[in-house]
PDBML (XML) file of the C-alpha atoms, coordinates in Angstrom:
<?xml version="1.0" encoding="UTF-8" ?>
<PDBx:datablock datablockName="MODEL"
   xmlns:PDBx="http://pdbml.pdb.org/schema/pdbx-v50.xsd"
   xmlns:xsi="http://www.w3.org/2001/XMLSchema-instance"
   xsi:schemaLocation="http://pdbml.pdb.org/schema/pdbx-v50.xsd pdbx-v50.xsd">
   <PDBx:atom_siteCategory>
      <PDBx:atom_site id="1">
         <PDBx:B_iso_or_equiv>0.00</PDBx:B_iso_or_equiv>
         <PDBx:Cartn_x>0.000</PDBx:Cartn_x>
         <PDBx:Cartn_y>0.000</PDBx:Cartn_y>
         <PDBx:Cartn_z>0.000</PDBx:Cartn_z>
         <PDBx:auth_asym_id>A</PDBx:auth_asym_id>
         <PDBx:auth_atom_id>CA</PDBx:auth_atom_id>
         <PDBx:auth_comp_id>LYS</PDBx:auth_comp_id>
         <PDBx:auth_seq_id>1</PDBx:auth_seq_id>
         <PDBx:group_PDB>ATOM</PDBx:group_PDB>
         <PDBx:label_alt_id xsi:nil="true" />
         <PDBx:label_asym_id>A</PDBx:label_asym_id>
         <PDBx:label_atom_id>CA</PDBx:label_atom_id>
         <PDBx:label_comp_id>LYS</PDBx:label_comp_id>
         <PDBx:label_entity_id>1</PDBx:label_entity_id>
         <PDBx:label_seq_id>1</PDBx:label_seq_id>
         <PDBx:occupancy>1.00</PDBx:occupancy>
         <PDBx:pdbx_PDB_model_num>1</PDBx:pdbx_PDB_model_num>
         <PDBx:type_symbol>C</PDBx:type_symbol>
      </PDBx:atom_site>
      <PDBx:atom_site id="2">
         <PDBx:B_iso_or_equiv>0.00</PDBx:B_iso_or_equiv>
         <PDBx:Cartn_x>2.870</PDBx:Cartn_x>
         <PDBx:Cartn_y>2.340</PDBx:Cartn_y>
         <PDBx:Cartn_z>0.813</PDBx:Cartn_z>
         <PDBx:auth_asym_id>A</PDBx:auth_asym_id>
         <PDBx:auth_atom_id>CA</PDBx:auth_atom_id>
         <PDBx:auth_comp_id>GLU</PDBx:auth_comp_id>
         <PDBx:auth_seq_id>2</PDBx:auth_seq_id>
         <PDBx:group_PDB>ATOM</PDBx:group_PDB>
         <PDBx:label_alt_id xsi:nil="true" />
         <PDBx:label_asym_id>A</PDBx:label_asym_id>
         <PDBx:label_atom_id>CA</PDBx:label_atom_id>
         <PDBx:label_comp_id>GLU</PDBx:label_comp_id>
         <PDBx:label_entity_id>1</PDBx:label_entity_id>
         <PDBx:label_seq_id>2</PDBx:label_seq_id>
         <PDBx:occupancy>1.00</PDBx:occupancy>
         <PDBx:pdbx_PDB_model_num>1</PDBx:pdbx_PDB_model_num>
         <PDBx:type_symbol>C</PDBx:type_symbol>
      </PDBx:atom_site>
      <PDBx:atom_site id="3">
         <PDBx:B_iso_or_equiv>0.00</PDBx:B_iso_or_equiv>
         <PDBx:Cartn_x>6.413</PDBx:Cartn_x>
         <PDBx:Cartn_y>2.229</PDBx:Cartn_y>
         <PDBx:Cartn_z>-0.479</PDBx:Cartn_z>
         <PDBx:auth_asym_id>A</PDBx:auth_asym_id>
         <PDBx:auth_atom_id>CA</PDBx:auth_atom_id>
         <PDBx:auth_comp_id>GLY</PDBx:auth_comp_id>
         <PDBx:auth_seq_id>3</PDBx:auth_seq_id>
         <PDBx:group_PDB>ATOM</PDBx:group_PDB>
         <PDBx:label_alt_id xsi:nil="true" />
         <PDBx:label_asym_id>A</PDBx:label_asym_id>
         <PDBx:label_atom_id>CA</PDBx:label_atom_id>
         <PDBx:label_comp_id>GLY</PDBx:label_comp_id>
         <PDBx:label_entity_id>1</PDBx:label_entity_id>
         <PDBx:label_seq_id>3</PDBx:label_seq_id>
         <PDBx:occupancy>1.00</PDBx:occupancy>
         <PDBx:pdbx_PDB_model_num>1</PDBx:pdbx_PDB_model_num>
         <PDBx:type_symbol>C</PDBx:type_symbol>
      </PDBx:atom_site>
      <PDBx:atom_site id="4">
         <PDBx:B_iso_or_equiv>0.00</PDBx:B_iso_or_equiv>
         <PDBx:Cartn_x>8.368</PDBx:Cartn_x>
         <PDBx:Cartn_y>-0.146</PDBx:Cartn_y>
         <PDBx:Cartn_z>-2.626</PDBx:Cartn_z>
         <PDBx:auth_asym_id>A</PDBx:auth_asym_id>
         <PDBx:auth_atom_id>CA</PDBx:auth_atom_id>
         <PDBx:auth_comp_id>THR</PDBx:auth_comp_id>
         <PDBx:auth_seq_id>4</PDBx:auth_seq_id>
         <PDBx:group_PDB>ATOM</PDBx:group_PDB>
         <PDBx:label_alt_id xsi:nil="true" />
         <PDBx:label_asym_id>A</PDBx:label_asym_id>
         <PDBx:label_atom_id>CA</PDBx:label_atom_id>
         <PDBx:label_comp_id>THR</PDBx:label_comp_id>
         <PDBx:label_entity_id>1</PDBx:label_entity_id>
         <PDBx:label_seq_id>4</PDBx:label_seq_id>
         <PDBx:occupancy>1.00</PDBx:occupancy>
         <PDBx:pdbx_PDB_model_num>1</PDBx:pdbx_PDB_model_num>
         <PDBx:type_symbol>C</PDBx:type_symbol>
      </PDBx:atom_site>
      <PDBx:atom_site id="5">
         <PDBx:B_iso_or_equiv>0.00</PDBx:B_iso_or_equiv>
         <PDBx:Cartn_x>8.256</PDBx:Cartn_x>
         <PDBx:Cartn_y>-3.951</PDBx:Cartn_y>
         <PDBx:Cartn_z>-2.876</PDBx:Cartn_z>
         <PDBx:auth_asym_id>A</PDBx:auth_asym_id>
         <PDBx:auth_atom_id>CA</PDBx:auth_atom_id>
         <PDBx:auth_comp_id>PRO</PDBx:auth_comp_id>
         <PDBx:auth_seq_id>5</PDBx:auth_seq_id>
         <PDBx:group_PDB>ATOM</PDBx:group_PDB>
         <PDBx:label_alt_id xsi:nil="true" />
         <PDBx:label_asym_id>A</PDBx:label_asym_id>
         <PDBx:label_atom_id>CA</PDBx:label_atom_id>
         <PDBx:label_comp_id>PRO</PDBx:label_comp_id>
         <PDBx:label_entity_id>1</PDBx:label_entity_id>
         <PDBx:label_seq_id>5</PDBx:label_seq_id>
         <PDBx:occupancy>1.00</PDBx:occupancy>
         <PDBx:pdbx_PDB_model_num>1</PDBx:pdbx_PDB_model_num>
         <PDBx:type_symbol>C</PDBx:type_symbol>
      </PDBx:atom_site>
      <PDBx:atom_site id="6">
         <PDBx:B_iso_or_equiv>0.00</PDBx:B_iso_or_equiv>
         <PDBx:Cartn_x>9.362</PDBx:Cartn_x>
         <PDBx:Cartn_y>-5.501</PDBx:Cartn_y>
         <PDBx:Cartn_z>0.349</PDBx:Cartn_z>
         <PDBx:auth_asym_id>A</PDBx:auth_asym_id>
         <PDBx:auth_atom_id>CA</PDBx:auth_atom_id>
         <PDBx:auth_comp_id>GLU</PDBx:auth_comp_id>
         <PDBx:auth_seq_id>6</PDBx:auth_seq_id>
         <PDBx:group_PDB>ATOM</PDBx:group_PDB>
         <PDBx:label_alt_id xsi:nil="true" />
         <PDBx:label_asym_id>A</PDBx:label_asym_id>
         <PDBx:label_atom_id>CA</PDBx:label_atom_id>
         <PDBx:label_comp_id>GLU</PDBx:label_comp_id>
         <PDBx:label_entity_id>1</PDBx:label_entity_id>
         <PDBx:label_seq_id>6</PDBx:label_seq_id>
         <PDBx:occupancy>1.00</PDBx:occupancy>
         <PDBx:pdbx_PDB_model_num>1</PDBx:pdbx_PDB_model_num>
         <PDBx:type_symbol>C</PDBx:type_symbol>
      </PDBx:atom_site>
      <PDBx:atom_site id="7">
         <PDBx:B_iso_or_equiv>0.00</PDBx:B_iso_or_equiv>
         <PDBx:Cartn_x>10.787</PDBx:Cartn_x>
         <PDBx:Cartn_y>-8.827</PDBx:Cartn_y>
         <PDBx:Cartn_z>1.552</PDBx:Cartn_z>
         <PDBx:auth_asym_id>A</PDBx:auth_asym_id>
         <PDBx:auth_atom_id>CA</PDBx:auth_atom_id>
         <PDBx:auth_comp_id>ALA</PDBx:auth_comp_id>
         <PDBx:auth_seq_id>7</PDBx:auth_seq_id>
         <PDBx:group_PDB>ATOM</PDBx:group_PDB>
         <PDBx:label_alt_id xsi:nil="true" />
         <PDBx:label_asym_id>A</PDBx:label_asym_id>
         <PDBx:label_atom_id>CA</PDBx:label_atom_id>
         <PDBx:label_comp_id>ALA</PDBx:label_comp_id>
         <PDBx:label_entity_id>1</PDBx:label_entity_id>
         <PDBx:label_seq_id>7</PDBx:label_seq_id>
         <PDBx:occupancy>1.00</PDBx:occupancy>
         <PDBx:pdbx_PDB_model_num>1</PDBx:pdbx_PDB_model_num>
         <PDBx:type_symbol>C</PDBx:type_symbol>
      </PDBx:atom_site>
      <PDBx:atom_site id="8">
         <PDBx:B_iso_or_equiv>0.00</PDBx:B_iso_or_equiv>
         <PDBx:Cartn_x>9.396</PDBx:Cartn_x>
         <PDBx:Cartn_y>-9.474</PDBx:Cartn_y>
         <PDBx:Cartn_z>5.008</PDBx:Cartn_z>
         <PDBx:auth_asym_id>A</PDBx:auth_asym_id>
         <PDBx:auth_atom_id>CA</PDBx:auth_atom_id>
         <PDBx:auth_comp_id>VAL</PDBx:auth_comp_id>
         <PDBx:auth_seq_id>8</PDBx:auth_seq_id>
         <PDBx:group_PDB>ATOM</PDBx:group_PDB>
         <PDBx:label_alt_id xsi:nil="true" />
         <PDBx:label_asym_id>A</PDBx:label_asym_id>
         <PDBx:label_atom_id>CA</PDBx:label_atom_id>
         <PDBx:label_comp_id>VAL</PDBx:label_comp_id>
         <PDBx:label_entity_id>1</PDBx:label_entity_id>
         <PDBx:label_seq_id>8</PDBx:label_seq_id>
         <PDBx:occupancy>1.00</PDBx:occupancy>
         <PDBx:pdbx_PDB_model_num>1</PDBx:pdbx_PDB_model_num>
         <PDBx:type_symbol>C</PDBx:type_symbol>
      </PDBx:atom_site>
      <PDBx:atom_site id="9">
         <PDBx:B_iso_or_equiv>0.00</PDBx:B_iso_or_equiv>
         <PDBx:Cartn_x>11.144</PDBx:Cartn_x>
         <PDBx:Cartn_y>-11.912</PDBx:Cartn_y>
         <PDBx:Cartn_z>7.371</PDBx:Cartn_z>
         <PDBx:auth_asym_id>A</PDBx:auth_asym_id>
         <PDBx:auth_atom_id>CA</PDBx:auth_atom_id>
         <PDBx:auth_comp_id>PRO</PDBx:auth_comp_id>
         <PDBx:auth_seq_id>9</PDBx:auth_seq_id>
         <PDBx:group_PDB>ATOM</PDBx:group_PDB>
         <PDBx:label_alt_id xsi:nil="true" />
         <PDBx:label_asym_id>A</PDBx:label_asym_id>
         <PDBx:label_atom_id>CA</PDBx:label_atom_id>
         <PDBx:label_comp_id>PRO</PDBx:label_comp_id>
         <PDBx:label_entity_id>1</PDBx:label_entity_id>
         <PDBx:label_seq_id>9</PDBx:label_seq_id>
         <PDBx:occupancy>1.00</PDBx:occupancy>
         <PDBx:pdbx_PDB_model_num>1</PDBx:pdbx_PDB_model_num>
         <PDBx:type_symbol>C</PDBx:type_symbol>
      </PDBx:atom_site>
      <PDBx:atom_site id="10">
         <PDBx:B_iso_or_equiv>0.00</PDBx:B_iso_or_equiv>
         <PDBx:Cartn_x>9.018</PDBx:Cartn_x>
         <PDBx:Cartn_y>-14.631</PDBx:Cartn_y>
         <PDBx:Cartn_z>8.946</PDBx:Cartn_z>
         <PDBx:auth_asym_id>A</PDBx:auth_asym_id>
         <PDBx:auth_atom_id>CA</PDBx:auth_atom_id>
         <PDBx:auth_comp_id>LEU</PDBx:auth_comp_id>
         <PDBx:auth_seq_id>10</PDBx:auth_seq_id>
         <PDBx:group_PDB>ATOM</PDBx:group_PDB>
         <PDBx:label_alt_id xsi:nil="true" />
         <PDBx:label_asym_id>A</PDBx:label_asym_id>
         <PDBx:label_atom_id>CA</PDBx:label_atom_id>
         <PDBx:label_comp_id>LEU</PDBx:label_comp_id>
         <PDBx:label_entity_id>1</PDBx:label_entity_id>
         <PDBx:label_seq_id>10</PDBx:label_seq_id>
         <PDBx:occupancy>1.00</PDBx:occupancy>
         <PDBx:pdbx_PDB_model_num>1</PDBx:pdbx_PDB_model_num>
         <PDBx:type_symbol>C</PDBx:type_symbol>
      </PDBx:atom_site>
      <PDBx:atom_site id="11">
         <PDBx:B_iso_or_equiv>0.00</PDBx:B_iso_or_equiv>
         <PDBx:Cartn_x>9.603</PDBx:Cartn_x>
         <PDBx:Cartn_y>-15.518</PDBx:Cartn_y>
         <PDBx:Cartn_z>12.579</PDBx:Cartn_z>
         <PDBx:auth_asym_id>A</PDBx:auth_asym_id>
         <PDBx:auth_atom_id>CA</PDBx:auth_atom_id>
         <PDBx:auth_comp_id>SER</PDBx:auth_comp_id>
         <PDBx:auth_seq_id>11</PDBx:auth_seq_id>
         <PDBx:group_PDB>ATOM</PDBx:group_PDB>
         <PDBx:label_alt_id xsi:nil="true" />
         <PDBx:label_asym_id>A</PDBx:label_asym_id>
         <PDBx:label_atom_id>CA</PDBx:label_atom_id>
         <PDBx:label_comp_id>SER</PDBx:label_comp_id>
         <PDBx:label_entity_id>1</PDBx:label_entity_id>
         <PDBx:label_seq_id>11</PDBx:label_seq_id>
         <PDBx:occupancy>1.00</PDBx:occupancy>
         <PDBx:pdbx_PDB_model_num>1</PDBx:pdbx_PDB_model_num>
         <PDBx:type_symbol>C</PDBx:type_symbol>
      </PDBx:atom_site>
      <PDBx:atom_site id="12">
         <PDBx:B_iso_or_equiv>0.00</PDBx:B_iso_or_equiv>
         <PDBx:Cartn_x>10.046</PDBx:Cartn_x>
         <PDBx:Cartn_y>-19.232</PDBx:Cartn_y>
         <PDBx:Cartn_z>13.322</PDBx:Cartn_z>
         <PDBx:auth_asym_id>A</PDBx:auth_asym_id>
         <PDBx:auth_atom_id>CA</PDBx:auth_atom_id>
         <PDBx:auth_comp_id>PRO</PDBx:auth_comp_id>
         <PDBx:auth_seq_id>12</PDBx:auth_seq_id>
         <PDBx:group_PDB>ATOM</PDBx:group_PDB>
         <PDBx:label_alt_id xsi:nil="true" />
         <PDBx:label_asym_id>A</PDBx:label_asym_id>
         <PDBx:label_atom_id>CA</PDBx:label_atom_id>
         <PDBx:label_comp_id>PRO</PDBx:label_comp_id>
         <PDBx:label_entity_id>1</PDBx:label_entity_id>
         <PDBx:label_seq_id>12</PDBx:label_seq_id>
         <PDBx:occupancy>1.00</PDBx:occupancy>
         <PDBx:pdbx_PDB_model_num>1</PDBx:pdbx_PDB_model_num>
         <PDBx:type_symbol>C</PDBx:type_symbol>
      </PDBx:atom_site>
      <PDBx:atom_site id="13">
         <PDBx:B_iso_or_equiv>0.00</PDBx:B_iso_or_equiv>
         <PDBx:Cartn_x>6.463</PDBx:Cartn_x>
         <PDBx:Cartn_y>-19.394</PDBx:Cartn_y>
         <PDBx:Cartn_z>14.636</PDBx:Cartn_z>
         <PDBx:auth_asym_id>A</PDBx:auth_asym_id>
         <PDBx:auth_atom_id>CA</PDBx:auth_atom_id>
         <PDBx:auth_comp_id>ASN</PDBx:auth_comp_id>
         <PDBx:auth_seq_id>13</PDBx:auth_seq_id>
         <PDBx:group_PDB>ATOM</PDBx:group_PDB>
         <PDBx:label_alt_id xsi:nil="true" />
         <PDBx:label_asym_id>A</PDBx:label_asym_id>
         <PDBx:label_atom_id>CA</PDBx:label_atom_id>
         <PDBx:label_comp_id>ASN</PDBx:label_comp_id>
         <PDBx:label_entity_id>1</PDBx:label_entity_id>
         <PDBx:label_seq_id>13</PDBx:label_seq_id>
         <PDBx:occupancy>1.00</PDBx:occupancy>
         <PDBx:pdbx_PDB_model_num>1</PDBx:pdbx_PDB_model_num>
         <PDBx:type_symbol>C</PDBx:type_symbol>
      </PDBx:atom_site>
      <PDBx:atom_site id="14">
         <PDBx:B_iso_or_equiv>0.00</PDBx:B_iso_or_equiv>
         <PDBx:Cartn_x>5.089</PDBx:Cartn_x>
         <PDBx:Cartn_y>-17.561</PDBx:Cartn_y>
         <PDBx:Cartn_z>11.583</PDBx:Cartn_z>
         <PDBx:auth_asym_id>A</PDBx:auth_asym_id>
         <PDBx:auth_atom_id>CA</PDBx:auth_atom_id>
         <PDBx:auth_comp_id>ALA</PDBx:auth_comp_id>
         <PDBx:auth_seq_id>14</PDBx:auth_seq_id>
         <PDBx:group_PDB>ATOM</PDBx:group_PDB>
         <PDBx:label_alt_id xsi:nil="true" />
         <PDBx:label_asym_id>A</PDBx:label_asym_id>
         <PDBx:label_atom_id>CA</PDBx:label_atom_id>
         <PDBx:label_comp_id>ALA</PDBx:label_comp_id>
         <PDBx:label_entity_id>1</PDBx:label_entity_id>
         <PDBx:label_seq_id>14</PDBx:label_seq_id>
         <PDBx:occupancy>1.00</PDBx:occupancy>
         <PDBx:pdbx_PDB_model_num>1</PDBx:pdbx_PDB_model_num>
         <PDBx:type_symbol>C</PDBx:type_symbol>
      </PDBx:atom_site>
      <PDBx:atom_site id="15">
         <PDBx:B_iso_or_equiv>0.00</PDBx:B_iso_or_equiv>
         <PDBx:Cartn_x>7.093</PDBx:Cartn_x>
         <PDBx:Cartn_y>-19.792</PDBx:Cartn_y>
         <PDBx:Cartn_z>9.241</PDBx:Cartn_z>
         <PDBx:auth_asym_id>A</PDBx:auth_asym_id>
         <PDBx:auth_atom_id>CA</PDBx:auth_atom_id>
         <PDBx:auth_comp_id>ARG</PDBx:auth_comp_id>
         <PDBx:auth_seq_id>15</PDBx:auth_seq_id>
         <PDBx:group_PDB>ATOM</PDBx:group_PDB>
         <PDBx:label_alt_id xsi:nil="true" />
         <PDBx:label_asym_id>A</PDBx:label_asym_id>
         <PDBx:label_atom_id>CA</PDBx:label_atom_id>
         <PDBx:label_comp_id>ARG</PDBx:label_comp_id>
         <PDBx:label_entity_id>1</PDBx:label_entity_id>
         <PDBx:label_seq_id>15</PDBx:label_seq_id>
         <PDBx:occupancy>1.00</PDBx:occupancy>
         <PDBx:pdbx_PDB_model_num>1</PDBx:pdbx_PDB_model_num>
         <PDBx:type_symbol>C</PDBx:type_symbol>
      </PDBx:atom_site>
      <PDBx:atom_site id="16">
         <PDBx:B_iso_or_equiv>0.00</PDBx:B_iso_or_equiv>
         <PDBx:Cartn_x>5.656</PDBx:Cartn_x>
         <PDBx:Cartn_y>-22.928</PDBx:Cartn_y>
         <PDBx:Cartn_z>10.854</PDBx:Cartn_z>
         <PDBx:auth_asym_id>A</PDBx:auth_asym_id>
         <PDBx:auth_atom_id>CA</PDBx:auth_atom_id>
         <PDBx:auth_comp_id>MET</PDBx:auth_comp_id>
         <PDBx:auth_seq_id>16</PDBx:auth_seq_id>
         <PDBx:group_PDB>ATOM</PDBx:group_PDB>
         <PDBx:label_alt_id xsi:nil="true" />
         <PDBx:label_asym_id>A</PDBx:label_asym_id>
         <PDBx:label_atom_id>CA</PDBx:label_atom_id>
         <PDBx:label_comp_id>MET</PDBx:label_comp_id>
         <PDBx:label_entity_id>1</PDBx:label_entity_id>
         <PDBx:label_seq_id>16</PDBx:label_seq_id>
         <PDBx:occupancy>1.00</PDBx:occupancy>
         <PDBx:pdbx_PDB_model_num>1</PDBx:pdbx_PDB_model_num>
         <PDBx:type_symbol>C</PDBx:type_symbol>
      </PDBx:atom_site>
      <PDBx:atom_site id="17">
         <PDBx:B_iso_or_equiv>0.00</PDBx:B_iso_or_equiv>
         <PDBx:Cartn_x>2.118</PDBx:Cartn_x>
         <PDBx:Cartn_y>-21.557</PDBx:Cartn_y>
         <PDBx:Cartn_z>10.658</PDBx:Cartn_z>
         <PDBx:auth_asym_id>A</PDBx:auth_asym_id>
         <PDBx:auth_atom_id>CA</PDBx:auth_atom_id>
         <PDBx:auth_comp_id>MET</PDBx:auth_comp_id>
         <PDBx:auth_seq_id>17</PDBx:auth_seq_id>
         <PDBx:group_PDB>ATOM</PDBx:group_PDB>
         <PDBx:label_alt_id xsi:nil="true" />
         <PDBx:label_asym_id>A</PDBx:label_asym_id>
         <PDBx:label_atom_id>CA</PDBx:label_atom_id>
         <PDBx:label_comp_id>MET</PDBx:label_comp_id>
         <PDBx:label_entity_id>1</PDBx:label_entity_id>
         <PDBx:label_seq_id>17</PDBx:label_seq_id>
         <PDBx:occupancy>1.00</PDBx:occupancy>
         <PDBx:pdbx_PDB_model_num>1</PDBx:pdbx_PDB_model_num>
         <PDBx:type_symbol>C</PDBx:type_symbol>
      </PDBx:atom_site>
      <PDBx:atom_site id="18">
         <PDBx:B_iso_or_equiv>0.00</PDBx:B_iso_or_equiv>
         <PDBx:Cartn_x>2.536</PDBx:Cartn_x>
         <PDBx:Cartn_y>-20.401</PDBx:Cartn_y>
         <PDBx:Cartn_z>7.045</PDBx:Cartn_z>
         <PDBx:auth_asym_id>A</PDBx:auth_asym_id>
         <PDBx:auth_atom_id>CA</PDBx:auth_atom_id>
         <PDBx:auth_comp_id>VAL</PDBx:auth_comp_id>
         <PDBx:auth_seq_id>18</PDBx:auth_seq_id>
         <PDBx:group_PDB>ATOM</PDBx:group_PDB>
         <PDBx:label_alt_id xsi:nil="true" />
         <PDBx:label_asym_id>A</PDBx:label_asym_id>
         <PDBx:label_atom_id>CA</PDBx:label_atom_id>
         <PDBx:label_comp_id>VAL</PDBx:label_comp_id>
         <PDBx:label_entity_id>1</PDBx:label_entity_id>
         <PDBx:label_seq_id>18</PDBx:label_seq_id>
         <PDBx:occupancy>1.00</PDBx:occupancy>
         <PDBx:pdbx_PDB_model_num>1</PDBx:pdbx_PDB_model_num>
         <PDBx:type_symbol>C</PDBx:type_symbol>
      </PDBx:atom_site>
      <PDBx:atom_site id="19">
         <PDBx:B_iso_or_equiv>0.00</PDBx:B_iso_or_equiv>
         <PDBx:Cartn_x>3.850</PDBx:Cartn_x>
         <PDBx:Cartn_y>-23.839</PDBx:Cartn_y>
         <PDBx:Cartn_z>6.070</PDBx:Cartn_z>
         <PDBx:auth_asym_id>A</PDBx:auth_asym_id>
         <PDBx:auth_atom_id>CA</PDBx:auth_atom_id>
         <PDBx:auth_comp_id>ARG</PDBx:auth_comp_id>
         <PDBx:auth_seq_id>19</PDBx:auth_seq_id>
         <PDBx:group_PDB>ATOM</PDBx:group_PDB>
         <PDBx:label_alt_id xsi:nil="true" />
         <PDBx:label_asym_id>A</PDBx:label_asym_id>
         <PDBx:label_atom_id>CA</PDBx:label_atom_id>
         <PDBx:label_comp_id>ARG</PDBx:label_comp_id>
         <PDBx:label_entity_id>1</PDBx:label_entity_id>
         <PDBx:label_seq_id>19</PDBx:label_seq_id>
         <PDBx:occupancy>1.00</PDBx:occupancy>
         <PDBx:pdbx_PDB_model_num>1</PDBx:pdbx_PDB_model_num>
         <PDBx:type_symbol>C</PDBx:type_symbol>
      </PDBx:atom_site>
      <PDBx:atom_site id="20">
         <PDBx:B_iso_or_equiv>0.00</PDBx:B_iso_or_equiv>
         <PDBx:Cartn_x>0.722</PDBx:Cartn_x>
         <PDBx:Cartn_y>-25.392</PDBx:Cartn_y>
         <PDBx:Cartn_z>7.588</PDBx:Cartn_z>
         <PDBx:auth_asym_id>A</PDBx:auth_asym_id>
         <PDBx:auth_atom_id>CA</PDBx:auth_atom_id>
         <PDBx:auth_comp_id>PHE</PDBx:auth_comp_id>
         <PDBx:auth_seq_id>20</PDBx:auth_seq_id>
         <PDBx:group_PDB>ATOM</PDBx:group_PDB>
         <PDBx:label_alt_id xsi:nil="true" />
         <PDBx:label_asym_id>A</PDBx:label_asym_id>
         <PDBx:label_atom_id>CA</PDBx:label_atom_id>
         <PDBx:label_comp_id>PHE</PDBx:label_comp_id>
         <PDBx:label_entity_id>1</PDBx:label_entity_id>
         <PDBx:label_seq_id>20</PDBx:label_seq_id>
         <PDBx:occupancy>1.00</PDBx:occupancy>
         <PDBx:pdbx_PDB_model_num>1</PDBx:pdbx_PDB_model_num>
         <PDBx:type_symbol>C</PDBx:type_symbol>
      </PDBx:atom_site>
      <PDBx:atom_site id="21">
         <PDBx:B_iso_or_equiv>0.00</PDBx:B_iso_or_equiv>
         <PDBx:Cartn_x>-1.562</PDBx:Cartn_x>
         <PDBx:Cartn_y>-22.827</PDBx:Cartn_y>
         <PDBx:Cartn_z>5.880</PDBx:Cartn_z>
         <PDBx:auth_asym_id>A</PDBx:auth_asym_id>
         <PDBx:auth_atom_id>CA</PDBx:auth_atom_id>
         <PDBx:auth_comp_id>ALA</PDBx:auth_comp_id>
         <PDBx:auth_seq_id>21</PDBx:auth_seq_id>
         <PDBx:group_PDB>ATOM</PDBx:group_PDB>
         <PDBx:label_alt_id xsi:nil="true" />
         <PDBx:label_asym_id>A</PDBx:label_asym_id>
         <PDBx:label_atom_id>CA</PDBx:label_atom_id>
         <PDBx:label_comp_id>ALA</PDBx:label_comp_id>
         <PDBx:label_entity_id>1</PDBx:label_entity_id>
         <PDBx:label_seq_id>21</PDBx:label_seq_id>
         <PDBx:occupancy>1.00</PDBx:occupancy>
         <PDBx:pdbx_PDB_model_num>1</PDBx:pdbx_PDB_model_num>
         <PDBx:type_symbol>C</PDBx:type_symbol>
      </PDBx:atom_site>
      <PDBx:atom_site id="22">
         <PDBx:B_iso_or_equiv>0.00</PDBx:B_iso_or_equiv>
         <PDBx:Cartn_x>-0.005</PDBx:Cartn_x>
         <PDBx:Cartn_y>-23.440</PDBx:Cartn_y>
         <PDBx:Cartn_z>2.472</PDBx:Cartn_z>
         <PDBx:auth_asym_id>A</PDBx:auth_asym_id>
         <PDBx:auth_atom_id>CA</PDBx:auth_atom_id>
         <PDBx:auth_comp_id>ILE</PDBx:auth_comp_id>
         <PDBx:auth_seq_id>22</PDBx:auth_seq_id>
         <PDBx:group_PDB>ATOM</PDBx:group_PDB>
         <PDBx:label_alt_id xsi:nil="true" />
         <PDBx:label_asym_id>A</PDBx:label_asym_id>
         <PDBx:label_atom_id>CA</PDBx:label_atom_id>
         <PDBx:label_comp_id>ILE</PDBx:label_comp_id>
         <PDBx:label_entity_id>1</PDBx:label_entity_id>
         <PDBx:label_seq_id>22</PDBx:label_seq_id>
         <PDBx:occupancy>1.00</PDBx:occupancy>
         <PDBx:pdbx_PDB_model_num>1</PDBx:pdbx_PDB_model_num>
         <PDBx:type_symbol>C</PDBx:type_symbol>
      </PDBx:atom_site>
      <PDBx:atom_site id="23">
         <PDBx:B_iso_or_equiv>0.00</PDBx:B_iso_or_equiv>
         <PDBx:Cartn_x>-0.106</PDBx:Cartn_x>
         <PDBx:Cartn_y>-27.233</PDBx:Cartn_y>
         <PDBx:Cartn_z>2.841</PDBx:Cartn_z>
         <PDBx:auth_asym_id>A</PDBx:auth_asym_id>
         <PDBx:auth_atom_id>CA</PDBx:auth_atom_id>
         <PDBx:auth_comp_id>ASP</PDBx:auth_comp_id>
         <PDBx:auth_seq_id>23</PDBx:auth_seq_id>
         <PDBx:group_PDB>ATOM</PDBx:group_PDB>
         <PDBx:label_alt_id xsi:nil="true" />
         <PDBx:label_asym_id>A</PDBx:label_asym_id>
         <PDBx:label_atom_id>CA</PDBx:label_atom_id>
         <PDBx:label_comp_id>ASP</PDBx:label_comp_id>
         <PDBx:label_entity_id>1</PDBx:label_entity_id>
         <PDBx:label_seq_id>23</PDBx:label_seq_id>
         <PDBx:occupancy>1.00</PDBx:occupancy>
         <PDBx:pdbx_PDB_model_num>1</PDBx:pdbx_PDB_model_num>
         <PDBx:type_symbol>C</PDBx:type_symbol>
      </PDBx:atom_site>
      <PDBx:atom_site id="24">
         <PDBx:B_iso_or_equiv>0.00</PDBx:B_iso_or_equiv>
         <PDBx:Cartn_x>0.262</PDBx:Cartn_x>
         <PDBx:Cartn_y>-28.550</PDBx:Cartn_y>
         <PDBx:Cartn_z>-0.726</PDBx:Cartn_z>
         <PDBx:auth_asym_id>A</PDBx:auth_asym_id>
         <PDBx:auth_atom_id>CA</PDBx:auth_atom_id>
         <PDBx:auth_comp_id>HIS</PDBx:auth_comp_id>
         <PDBx:auth_seq_id>24</PDBx:auth_seq_id>
         <PDBx:group_PDB>ATOM</PDBx:group_PDB>
         <PDBx:label_alt_id xsi:nil="true" />
         <PDBx:label_asym_id>A</PDBx:label_asym_id>
         <PDBx:label_atom_id>CA</PDBx:label_atom_id>
         <PDBx:label_comp_id>HIS</PDBx:label_comp_id>
         <PDBx:label_entity_id>1</PDBx:label_entity_id>
         <PDBx:label_seq_id>24</PDBx:label_seq_id>
         <PDBx:occupancy>1.00</PDBx:occupancy>
         <PDBx:pdbx_PDB_model_num>1</PDBx:pdbx_PDB_model_num>
         <PDBx:type_symbol>C</PDBx:type_symbol>
      </PDBx:atom_site>
   </PDBx:atom_siteCategory>
</PDBx:datablock>
C-alpha cells in the first residue's frame, strides 16, 4: 500500500504456521 516492494522476514512461529496454511 505504501512504499516499494518488500521482503518481510518470517519468525520461526510464523514460518511454521505459514507452512501449515499453504499445505500442498
